[in-house]
């Protein structure tokens, strides 16, 4: 759509690049940490589309290539009045064995109100 894409990496202990600096796949950009509100060291990744504000946040799982053999399912969960339902449990069953539970996750809430399933595998 021609919109700029912004990435936000939170809780890092040290930045290794400057804002606007060109990077390529595999370049280290920061060291994992637990700055801010974090229970332990981890990387918080946000993708922001169009502008760098919280309301422009999108599901990062849809922007990162899954590991081989894994994937992401994208969709929206809405109620009978067409309102988005945040943090909705999604249970998956394989088509060849619909009576047997396979996996479950919760929907991801975009700041803009959209939902998408995440962390399925």
N, C-alpha and C. Protein backbone atom coordinates (compact mmCIF):
# COMPACT_ATOMS: atom_id res chain seq x y z
N UNK A 1 0.81 -1.20 0.00
CA UNK A 1 0.00 0.00 0.00
C UNK A 1 0.86 1.26 0.00
N UNK A 2 2.16 1.11 -0.02
CA UNK A 2 3.05 2.26 -0.08
C UNK A 2 3.25 2.98 1.24
N UNK A 3 2.76 2.42 2.35
CA UNK A 3 2.91 3.05 3.66
C UNK A 3 4.26 2.70 4.26
N UNK A 4 4.85 3.62 5.02
CA UNK A 4 6.11 3.27 5.70
C UNK A 4 5.86 2.24 6.79
N UNK A 5 6.85 1.38 7.03
CA UNK A 5 6.79 0.36 8.07
C UNK A 5 7.82 0.70 9.13
N UNK A 6 7.38 0.75 10.37
CA UNK A 6 8.26 1.03 11.50
C UNK A 6 8.35 -0.21 12.38
N UNK A 7 9.52 -0.47 12.92
CA UNK A 7 9.68 -1.56 13.88
C UNK A 7 10.10 -0.98 15.21
N UNK A 8 9.56 -1.57 16.28
CA UNK A 8 9.89 -1.16 17.63
C UNK A 8 10.38 -2.40 18.38
N UNK A 9 11.55 -2.29 18.98
CA UNK A 9 12.12 -3.39 19.75
C UNK A 9 12.20 -2.92 21.19
N UNK A 10 11.41 -3.56 22.07
CA UNK A 10 11.34 -3.12 23.46
C UNK A 10 12.11 -4.03 24.40
N UNK A 11 12.43 -3.49 25.57
CA UNK A 11 13.09 -4.18 26.67
C UNK A 11 14.54 -4.52 26.37
N UNK A 12 15.13 -3.94 25.33
CA UNK A 12 16.52 -4.25 25.00
C UNK A 12 17.47 -3.63 26.02
N UNK A 13 18.64 -4.25 26.18
CA UNK A 13 19.62 -3.72 27.12
C UNK A 13 20.56 -2.72 26.46
N UNK A 14 20.74 -2.87 25.14
CA UNK A 14 21.65 -1.96 24.44
C UNK A 14 21.33 -1.95 22.96
N UNK A 15 21.22 -0.75 22.38
CA UNK A 15 21.03 -0.60 20.93
C UNK A 15 22.38 -0.69 20.23
N UNK A 16 22.40 -1.35 19.08
CA UNK A 16 23.62 -1.49 18.30
C UNK A 16 23.58 -0.70 17.01
N UNK A 17 22.42 -0.10 16.69
CA UNK A 17 22.26 0.73 15.49
C UNK A 17 21.54 2.01 15.88
N UNK A 18 21.52 2.97 14.98
CA UNK A 18 20.83 4.24 15.21
C UNK A 18 19.52 4.27 14.41
N UNK A 19 18.51 5.02 14.88
CA UNK A 19 17.27 5.14 14.10
C UNK A 19 17.56 5.63 12.68
N UNK A 20 16.96 4.97 11.71
CA UNK A 20 17.14 5.34 10.31
C UNK A 20 18.34 4.69 9.65
N UNK A 21 19.19 4.02 10.41
CA UNK A 21 20.37 3.37 9.85
C UNK A 21 19.95 2.16 9.03
N UNK A 22 20.42 2.05 7.79
CA UNK A 22 20.06 0.87 6.99
C UNK A 22 20.64 -0.41 7.62
N UNK A 23 19.85 -1.47 7.63
CA UNK A 23 20.30 -2.78 8.10
C UNK A 23 19.84 -3.82 7.10
N UNK A 24 20.46 -4.98 7.15
CA UNK A 24 20.04 -6.08 6.28
C UNK A 24 19.81 -7.32 7.14
N UNK A 25 19.17 -8.31 6.57
CA UNK A 25 18.86 -9.54 7.28
C UNK A 25 20.12 -10.10 7.94
N UNK A 26 20.01 -10.41 9.22
CA UNK A 26 21.13 -10.99 9.95
C UNK A 26 21.97 -9.99 10.71
N UNK A 27 21.80 -8.70 10.44
CA UNK A 27 22.56 -7.68 11.17
C UNK A 27 22.05 -7.60 12.61
N UNK A 28 22.95 -7.68 13.60
CA UNK A 28 22.49 -7.46 14.98
C UNK A 28 22.10 -6.00 15.18
N UNK A 29 20.96 -5.77 15.82
CA UNK A 29 20.50 -4.40 16.00
C UNK A 29 20.39 -4.00 17.47
N UNK A 30 20.31 -5.00 18.36
CA UNK A 30 20.19 -4.71 19.80
C UNK A 30 20.51 -5.97 20.58
N UNK A 31 20.70 -5.77 21.90
CA UNK A 31 20.91 -6.90 22.80
C UNK A 31 19.67 -7.07 23.67
N UNK A 32 19.25 -8.32 23.84
CA UNK A 32 18.06 -8.62 24.63
C UNK A 32 18.25 -8.15 26.06
N UNK A 33 17.17 -7.63 26.66
CA UNK A 33 17.23 -7.17 28.03
C UNK A 33 15.88 -7.27 28.69
N UNK A 34 15.70 -6.52 29.79
CA UNK A 34 14.41 -6.50 30.46
C UNK A 34 14.11 -5.10 31.01
N UNK A 35 14.51 -4.08 30.24
CA UNK A 35 14.21 -2.70 30.64
C UNK A 35 12.71 -2.46 30.59
N UNK A 36 12.24 -1.50 31.36
CA UNK A 36 10.82 -1.18 31.40
C UNK A 36 10.07 -2.21 32.22
N UNK A 37 8.81 -2.44 31.87
CA UNK A 37 7.99 -3.41 32.59
C UNK A 37 8.17 -4.77 31.91
N UNK A 38 9.03 -5.58 32.49
CA UNK A 38 9.32 -6.91 31.94
C UNK A 38 9.65 -7.85 33.08
N UNK A 39 9.10 -9.06 33.03
CA UNK A 39 9.35 -10.03 34.08
C UNK A 39 10.67 -10.78 33.91
N UNK A 40 11.23 -10.71 32.73
CA UNK A 40 12.49 -11.37 32.45
C UNK A 40 13.02 -10.90 31.12
N UNK A 41 14.28 -11.23 30.81
CA UNK A 41 14.86 -10.82 29.52
C UNK A 41 14.08 -11.40 28.34
N UNK A 42 13.70 -10.56 27.44
CA UNK A 42 13.05 -11.00 26.21
C UNK A 42 13.03 -9.83 25.22
N UNK A 43 12.65 -10.13 24.00
CA UNK A 43 12.53 -9.10 22.98
C UNK A 43 11.05 -8.86 22.70
N UNK A 44 10.63 -7.62 22.78
CA UNK A 44 9.26 -7.22 22.44
C UNK A 44 9.33 -6.57 21.07
N UNK A 45 8.69 -7.17 20.08
CA UNK A 45 8.70 -6.65 18.71
C UNK A 45 7.34 -6.09 18.36
N UNK A 46 7.30 -4.87 17.87
CA UNK A 46 6.07 -4.29 17.33
C UNK A 46 6.33 -3.85 15.91
N UNK A 47 5.33 -4.02 15.08
CA UNK A 47 5.34 -3.50 13.71
C UNK A 47 4.28 -2.41 13.67
N UNK A 48 4.68 -1.26 13.18
CA UNK A 48 3.74 -0.14 13.06
C UNK A 48 3.68 0.29 11.60
N UNK A 49 2.49 0.39 11.09
CA UNK A 49 2.27 0.65 9.67
C UNK A 49 1.67 2.03 9.46
N UNK A 50 2.31 2.83 8.63
CA UNK A 50 1.80 4.15 8.29
C UNK A 50 2.37 5.26 9.13
N UNK A 51 2.50 5.04 10.43
CA UNK A 51 3.08 6.02 11.36
C UNK A 51 3.66 5.25 12.54
N UNK A 52 4.46 5.90 13.33
CA UNK A 52 5.13 5.24 14.43
C UNK A 52 4.38 5.30 15.75
N UNK A 53 3.05 5.41 15.71
CA UNK A 53 2.29 5.54 16.95
C UNK A 53 1.71 4.20 17.38
N UNK A 54 1.31 4.11 18.64
CA UNK A 54 0.72 2.89 19.20
C UNK A 54 -0.51 2.45 18.41
N UNK A 55 -1.31 3.40 17.95
CA UNK A 55 -2.53 3.07 17.20
C UNK A 55 -2.26 2.49 15.82
N UNK A 56 -1.02 2.51 15.38
CA UNK A 56 -0.65 1.97 14.08
C UNK A 56 -0.02 0.59 14.18
N UNK A 57 -0.07 -0.02 15.38
CA UNK A 57 0.56 -1.32 15.63
C UNK A 57 -0.19 -2.43 14.90
N UNK A 58 0.57 -3.34 14.31
CA UNK A 58 0.03 -4.52 13.62
C UNK A 58 0.64 -5.77 14.23
N UNK A 59 0.03 -6.91 13.98
CA UNK A 59 0.51 -8.17 14.52
C UNK A 59 1.88 -8.51 13.91
N UNK A 60 2.93 -8.58 14.73
CA UNK A 60 4.26 -8.86 14.19
C UNK A 60 4.39 -10.26 13.60
N UNK A 61 3.56 -11.21 14.04
CA UNK A 61 3.61 -12.56 13.48
C UNK A 61 3.33 -12.56 11.99
N UNK A 62 2.60 -11.58 11.50
CA UNK A 62 2.27 -11.51 10.07
C UNK A 62 3.40 -10.91 9.25
N UNK A 63 4.46 -10.43 9.91
CA UNK A 63 5.58 -9.78 9.22
C UNK A 63 6.87 -10.57 9.33
N UNK A 64 6.86 -11.65 10.09
CA UNK A 64 8.06 -12.45 10.29
C UNK A 64 7.84 -13.82 9.67
N UNK A 65 8.79 -14.27 8.86
CA UNK A 65 8.67 -15.57 8.22
C UNK A 65 8.71 -16.66 9.28
N UNK A 66 7.70 -17.55 9.30
CA UNK A 66 7.70 -18.63 10.29
C UNK A 66 8.86 -19.59 10.06
N UNK A 67 9.26 -20.27 11.12
CA UNK A 67 10.27 -21.32 10.99
C UNK A 67 9.74 -22.40 10.06
N UNK A 68 10.63 -23.14 9.37
CA UNK A 68 10.17 -24.22 8.49
C UNK A 68 9.27 -25.20 9.24
N UNK A 69 8.15 -25.55 8.63
CA UNK A 69 7.21 -26.48 9.24
C UNK A 69 6.20 -25.82 10.16
N UNK A 70 6.27 -24.51 10.33
CA UNK A 70 5.35 -23.79 11.20
C UNK A 70 4.61 -22.75 10.38
N UNK A 71 3.63 -22.09 10.99
CA UNK A 71 2.88 -21.08 10.26
C UNK A 71 2.08 -20.19 11.17
N UNK A 72 1.32 -19.30 10.56
CA UNK A 72 0.47 -18.34 11.26
C UNK A 72 -0.89 -18.34 10.58
N UNK A 73 -1.94 -18.27 11.36
CA UNK A 73 -3.28 -18.13 10.82
C UNK A 73 -3.75 -16.72 11.12
N UNK A 74 -4.25 -16.03 10.12
CA UNK A 74 -4.72 -14.65 10.30
C UNK A 74 -6.23 -14.62 10.11
N UNK A 75 -6.89 -13.83 10.95
CA UNK A 75 -8.33 -13.69 10.83
C UNK A 75 -8.83 -12.69 11.84
N UNK A 76 -10.12 -12.47 11.86
CA UNK A 76 -10.74 -11.56 12.82
C UNK A 76 -11.83 -12.30 13.57
N UNK A 77 -11.94 -12.03 14.84
CA UNK A 77 -13.02 -12.58 15.65
C UNK A 77 -13.95 -11.42 15.99
N UNK A 78 -15.21 -11.54 15.55
CA UNK A 78 -16.20 -10.49 15.80
C UNK A 78 -17.43 -11.12 16.44
N UNK A 79 -18.17 -10.32 17.19
CA UNK A 79 -19.38 -10.83 17.82
C UNK A 79 -20.58 -10.64 16.89
N UNK A 80 -21.77 -10.98 17.37
CA UNK A 80 -22.97 -10.92 16.55
C UNK A 80 -23.34 -9.50 16.11
N UNK A 81 -22.76 -8.48 16.81
CA UNK A 81 -23.03 -7.09 16.44
C UNK A 81 -21.88 -6.51 15.61
N UNK A 82 -20.99 -7.36 15.15
CA UNK A 82 -19.87 -7.00 14.29
C UNK A 82 -18.78 -6.20 15.03
N UNK A 83 -18.68 -6.37 16.34
CA UNK A 83 -17.62 -5.73 17.13
C UNK A 83 -16.47 -6.71 17.30
N UNK A 84 -15.24 -6.20 17.24
CA UNK A 84 -14.07 -7.03 17.46
C UNK A 84 -14.05 -7.55 18.89
N UNK A 85 -13.64 -8.79 19.07
CA UNK A 85 -13.58 -9.43 20.39
C UNK A 85 -12.10 -9.60 20.75
N UNK A 86 -11.60 -8.82 21.73
CA UNK A 86 -10.19 -8.93 22.09
C UNK A 86 -9.90 -10.16 22.93
N UNK A 87 -8.70 -10.69 22.79
CA UNK A 87 -8.21 -11.81 23.60
C UNK A 87 -9.16 -13.00 23.60
N UNK A 88 -9.64 -13.37 22.44
CA UNK A 88 -10.56 -14.49 22.30
C UNK A 88 -9.78 -15.79 22.13
N UNK A 89 -10.16 -16.83 22.86
CA UNK A 89 -9.56 -18.14 22.73
C UNK A 89 -9.95 -18.75 21.39
N UNK A 90 -8.97 -19.24 20.65
CA UNK A 90 -9.21 -19.91 19.37
C UNK A 90 -8.70 -21.34 19.51
N UNK A 91 -9.58 -22.32 19.27
CA UNK A 91 -9.21 -23.73 19.34
C UNK A 91 -9.22 -24.30 17.93
N UNK A 92 -8.16 -25.01 17.58
CA UNK A 92 -8.03 -25.57 16.24
C UNK A 92 -8.14 -27.09 16.28
N UNK A 93 -8.79 -27.63 15.25
CA UNK A 93 -8.92 -29.07 15.05
C UNK A 93 -8.51 -29.35 13.62
N UNK A 94 -7.83 -30.45 13.39
CA UNK A 94 -7.44 -30.81 12.02
C UNK A 94 -8.67 -31.26 11.24
N UNK A 95 -8.71 -30.93 9.95
CA UNK A 95 -9.86 -31.29 9.11
C UNK A 95 -10.04 -32.80 9.03
N UNK A 96 -8.95 -33.57 9.04
CA UNK A 96 -9.07 -35.02 8.92
C UNK A 96 -9.41 -35.71 10.25
N UNK A 97 -9.46 -34.92 11.36
CA UNK A 97 -9.84 -35.47 12.66
C UNK A 97 -10.52 -34.37 13.47
N UNK A 98 -11.68 -33.90 13.04
CA UNK A 98 -12.32 -32.73 13.64
C UNK A 98 -12.74 -32.91 15.10
N UNK A 99 -12.89 -34.13 15.57
CA UNK A 99 -13.30 -34.35 16.95
C UNK A 99 -12.16 -34.31 17.95
N UNK A 100 -10.93 -34.21 17.46
CA UNK A 100 -9.76 -34.24 18.33
C UNK A 100 -9.11 -32.86 18.40
N UNK A 101 -8.94 -32.35 19.63
CA UNK A 101 -8.26 -31.07 19.86
C UNK A 101 -6.85 -31.13 19.28
N UNK A 102 -6.41 -30.02 18.65
CA UNK A 102 -5.05 -29.98 18.11
C UNK A 102 -4.22 -28.90 18.79
N UNK A 103 -4.61 -27.64 18.67
CA UNK A 103 -3.87 -26.52 19.27
C UNK A 103 -4.85 -25.42 19.65
N UNK A 104 -4.37 -24.50 20.51
CA UNK A 104 -5.18 -23.31 20.81
C UNK A 104 -4.28 -22.12 21.08
N UNK A 105 -4.86 -20.94 20.93
CA UNK A 105 -4.15 -19.69 21.15
C UNK A 105 -5.18 -18.62 21.47
N UNK A 106 -4.73 -17.42 21.70
CA UNK A 106 -5.62 -16.27 21.88
C UNK A 106 -5.39 -15.30 20.74
N UNK A 107 -6.43 -14.55 20.38
CA UNK A 107 -6.28 -13.55 19.34
C UNK A 107 -5.36 -12.44 19.79
N UNK A 108 -4.70 -11.83 18.84
CA UNK A 108 -3.80 -10.71 19.07
C UNK A 108 -4.60 -9.44 18.83
N UNK A 109 -4.51 -8.50 19.76
CA UNK A 109 -5.27 -7.26 19.60
C UNK A 109 -4.39 -6.17 19.05
N UNK A 110 -4.71 -5.73 17.86
CA UNK A 110 -4.04 -4.55 17.30
C UNK A 110 -4.54 -3.33 18.05
N UNK A 111 -3.71 -2.33 18.17
CA UNK A 111 -4.12 -1.09 18.83
C UNK A 111 -5.30 -0.46 18.09
N UNK A 112 -5.35 -0.64 16.77
CA UNK A 112 -6.42 -0.05 15.99
C UNK A 112 -7.74 -0.81 16.06
N UNK A 113 -7.79 -1.90 16.83
CA UNK A 113 -9.04 -2.60 17.01
C UNK A 113 -9.17 -3.88 16.21
N UNK A 114 -8.24 -4.17 15.30
CA UNK A 114 -8.33 -5.40 14.53
C UNK A 114 -7.77 -6.56 15.36
N UNK A 115 -8.16 -7.76 14.98
CA UNK A 115 -7.70 -8.94 15.70
C UNK A 115 -7.10 -9.93 14.72
N UNK A 116 -6.18 -10.72 15.22
CA UNK A 116 -5.59 -11.78 14.42
C UNK A 116 -5.05 -12.85 15.35
N UNK A 117 -5.18 -14.10 14.99
CA UNK A 117 -4.65 -15.16 15.82
C UNK A 117 -3.12 -15.17 15.75
N UNK A 118 -2.48 -15.54 16.83
CA UNK A 118 -1.02 -15.55 16.88
C UNK A 118 -0.51 -16.76 17.63
N UNK A 119 0.77 -16.99 17.54
CA UNK A 119 1.48 -18.01 18.32
C UNK A 119 0.80 -19.37 18.25
N UNK A 120 0.48 -19.82 17.07
CA UNK A 120 -0.26 -21.04 16.95
C UNK A 120 0.60 -22.29 17.03
N UNK A 121 1.87 -22.19 16.76
CA UNK A 121 2.70 -23.40 16.69
C UNK A 121 3.90 -23.29 17.59
